[in-house]
Amino acid sequence: MSLCPMPGSDPETNGDLSADIWQLENALARCASQVKMIKHCQDENDAQTRQPAQGAD
């Protein structure tokens, strides 16, 4: 896992602003993918933790 850096922005034209929005949307999508992966791993770990150990009777 790595930090989710957000790109800097200093648009001067509408075209610059459009490009900045596109870059931000992509950065947010990459960050969301990392969050989903971590959540999935945590859910799997929680499910394994809740299962009783075999031979625990």
N, C-alpha and C. Protein backbone atom coordinates (compact mmCIF):
# COMPACT_ATOMS: atom_id res chain seq x y z
N MET A 1 0.84 -1.16 0.00
CA MET A 1 0.00 0.00 0.00
C MET A 1 0.89 1.23 0.00
N SER A 2 0.40 2.26 -0.63
CA SER A 2 1.14 3.52 -0.66
C SER A 2 0.17 4.66 -0.38
N LEU A 3 0.74 5.82 -0.14
CA LEU A 3 -0.10 6.99 0.07
C LEU A 3 -0.90 7.29 -1.19
N CYS A 4 -1.97 8.01 -1.03
CA CYS A 4 -2.80 8.41 -2.17
C CYS A 4 -2.53 9.88 -2.47
N PRO A 5 -1.49 10.17 -3.24
CA PRO A 5 -1.19 11.57 -3.52
C PRO A 5 -2.22 12.18 -4.48
N MET A 6 -2.55 13.40 -4.23
CA MET A 6 -3.44 14.15 -5.11
C MET A 6 -2.59 15.15 -5.88
N PRO A 7 -2.82 15.26 -7.18
CA PRO A 7 -1.99 16.16 -7.98
C PRO A 7 -2.24 17.62 -7.62
N GLY A 8 -1.19 18.41 -7.70
CA GLY A 8 -1.33 19.85 -7.49
C GLY A 8 -2.11 20.47 -8.63
N SER A 9 -2.57 21.68 -8.41
CA SER A 9 -3.38 22.32 -9.44
C SER A 9 -3.15 23.83 -9.44
N ASP A 10 -2.97 24.36 -10.61
CA ASP A 10 -2.84 25.81 -10.78
C ASP A 10 -3.29 26.16 -12.20
N PRO A 11 -4.57 25.86 -12.50
CA PRO A 11 -5.04 26.07 -13.88
C PRO A 11 -5.11 27.54 -14.25
N GLU A 12 -4.79 27.81 -15.50
CA GLU A 12 -4.88 29.18 -16.00
C GLU A 12 -5.95 29.32 -17.08
N THR A 13 -6.33 28.20 -17.67
CA THR A 13 -7.35 28.23 -18.72
C THR A 13 -8.39 27.15 -18.44
N ASN A 14 -9.49 27.18 -19.17
CA ASN A 14 -10.49 26.13 -19.03
C ASN A 14 -9.91 24.78 -19.42
N GLY A 15 -9.03 24.77 -20.40
CA GLY A 15 -8.38 23.52 -20.80
C GLY A 15 -7.52 22.96 -19.68
N ASP A 16 -6.80 23.85 -18.99
CA ASP A 16 -5.99 23.43 -17.84
C ASP A 16 -6.89 22.85 -16.75
N LEU A 17 -8.01 23.51 -16.50
CA LEU A 17 -8.94 23.06 -15.47
C LEU A 17 -9.50 21.68 -15.83
N SER A 18 -9.83 21.50 -17.09
CA SER A 18 -10.34 20.21 -17.55
C SER A 18 -9.30 19.11 -17.35
N ALA A 19 -8.05 19.40 -17.68
CA ALA A 19 -6.98 18.42 -17.49
C ALA A 19 -6.77 18.12 -16.01
N ASP A 20 -6.86 19.15 -15.17
CA ASP A 20 -6.70 18.96 -13.73
C ASP A 20 -7.80 18.08 -13.17
N ILE A 21 -9.03 18.30 -13.63
CA ILE A 21 -10.15 17.48 -13.16
C ILE A 21 -9.93 16.02 -13.56
N TRP A 22 -9.47 15.79 -14.79
CA TRP A 22 -9.21 14.44 -15.26
C TRP A 22 -8.14 13.77 -14.40
N GLN A 23 -7.07 14.51 -14.09
CA GLN A 23 -5.99 13.96 -13.26
C GLN A 23 -6.49 13.66 -11.85
N LEU A 24 -7.31 14.54 -11.29
CA LEU A 24 -7.85 14.32 -9.95
C LEU A 24 -8.77 13.11 -9.93
N GLU A 25 -9.63 12.98 -10.93
CA GLU A 25 -10.52 11.82 -11.00
C GLU A 25 -9.73 10.53 -11.05
N ASN A 26 -8.67 10.50 -11.83
CA ASN A 26 -7.83 9.30 -11.91
C ASN A 26 -7.13 9.02 -10.59
N ALA A 27 -6.64 10.05 -9.92
CA ALA A 27 -5.99 9.86 -8.62
C ALA A 27 -6.99 9.33 -7.60
N LEU A 28 -8.20 9.86 -7.60
CA LEU A 28 -9.23 9.38 -6.68
C LEU A 28 -9.61 7.93 -6.98
N ALA A 29 -9.67 7.57 -8.24
CA ALA A 29 -9.99 6.19 -8.61
C ALA A 29 -8.90 5.23 -8.13
N ARG A 30 -7.63 5.62 -8.29
CA ARG A 30 -6.52 4.77 -7.80
C ARG A 30 -6.60 4.62 -6.29
N CYS A 31 -6.90 5.70 -5.60
CA CYS A 31 -7.00 5.66 -4.14
C CYS A 31 -8.17 4.77 -3.72
N ALA A 32 -9.29 4.90 -4.40
CA ALA A 32 -10.46 4.07 -4.09
C ALA A 32 -10.15 2.59 -4.29
N SER A 33 -9.36 2.26 -5.30
CA SER A 33 -8.98 0.87 -5.53
C SER A 33 -8.16 0.33 -4.36
N GLN A 34 -7.26 1.15 -3.84
CA GLN A 34 -6.46 0.73 -2.68
C GLN A 34 -7.36 0.52 -1.46
N VAL A 35 -8.29 1.42 -1.25
CA VAL A 35 -9.19 1.31 -0.10
C VAL A 35 -10.04 0.04 -0.22
N LYS A 36 -10.55 -0.24 -1.42
CA LYS A 36 -11.35 -1.45 -1.64
C LYS A 36 -10.53 -2.70 -1.37
N MET A 37 -9.27 -2.71 -1.82
CA MET A 37 -8.41 -3.87 -1.61
C MET A 37 -8.17 -4.09 -0.12
N ILE A 38 -7.88 -3.02 0.60
CA ILE A 38 -7.64 -3.12 2.04
C ILE A 38 -8.90 -3.61 2.76
N LYS A 39 -10.05 -3.06 2.39
CA LYS A 39 -11.32 -3.47 3.00
C LYS A 39 -11.57 -4.95 2.74
N HIS A 40 -11.32 -5.40 1.52
CA HIS A 40 -11.50 -6.81 1.17
C HIS A 40 -10.60 -7.70 2.04
N CYS A 41 -9.34 -7.33 2.17
CA CYS A 41 -8.40 -8.10 2.99
C CYS A 41 -8.83 -8.13 4.45
N GLN A 42 -9.29 -6.99 4.97
CA GLN A 42 -9.75 -6.94 6.35
C GLN A 42 -10.98 -7.82 6.55
N ASP A 43 -11.90 -7.79 5.59
CA ASP A 43 -13.10 -8.62 5.69
C ASP A 43 -12.74 -10.10 5.68
N GLU A 44 -11.80 -10.49 4.82
CA GLU A 44 -11.36 -11.89 4.79
C GLU A 44 -10.70 -12.28 6.10
N ASN A 45 -9.87 -11.41 6.63
CA ASN A 45 -9.20 -11.67 7.90
C ASN A 45 -10.22 -11.80 9.03
N ASP A 46 -11.20 -10.92 9.04
CA ASP A 46 -12.25 -10.98 10.07
C ASP A 46 -13.03 -12.29 9.97
N ALA A 47 -13.34 -12.72 8.75
CA ALA A 47 -14.08 -13.97 8.57
C ALA A 47 -13.27 -15.16 9.06
N GLN A 48 -11.97 -15.17 8.80
CA GLN A 48 -11.12 -16.26 9.26
C GLN A 48 -11.00 -16.25 10.78
N THR A 49 -10.97 -15.08 11.37
CA THR A 49 -10.85 -14.96 12.81
C THR A 49 -12.10 -15.47 13.52
N ARG A 50 -13.26 -15.29 12.88
CA ARG A 50 -14.52 -15.72 13.49
C ARG A 50 -14.72 -17.23 13.41
N GLN A 51 -14.04 -17.90 12.49
CA GLN A 51 -14.20 -19.35 12.34
C GLN A 51 -13.46 -20.05 13.47
N PRO A 52 -14.12 -21.01 14.11
CA PRO A 52 -13.42 -21.75 15.18
C PRO A 52 -12.28 -22.57 14.60
N ALA A 53 -11.24 -22.70 15.37
CA ALA A 53 -10.09 -23.50 14.95
C ALA A 53 -10.50 -24.96 14.85
N GLN A 54 -9.98 -25.68 13.87
CA GLN A 54 -10.30 -27.10 13.73
C GLN A 54 -9.71 -27.86 14.89
N GLY A 55 -10.48 -28.79 15.41
CA GLY A 55 -10.03 -29.61 16.51
C GLY A 55 -10.08 -28.90 17.85
N ALA A 56 -10.86 -27.84 17.93
CA ALA A 56 -10.94 -27.08 19.18
C ALA A 56 -11.95 -27.68 20.14
N ASP A 57 -12.59 -28.79 19.75
CA ASP A 57 -13.60 -29.40 20.63
C ASP A 57 -13.00 -30.03 21.81
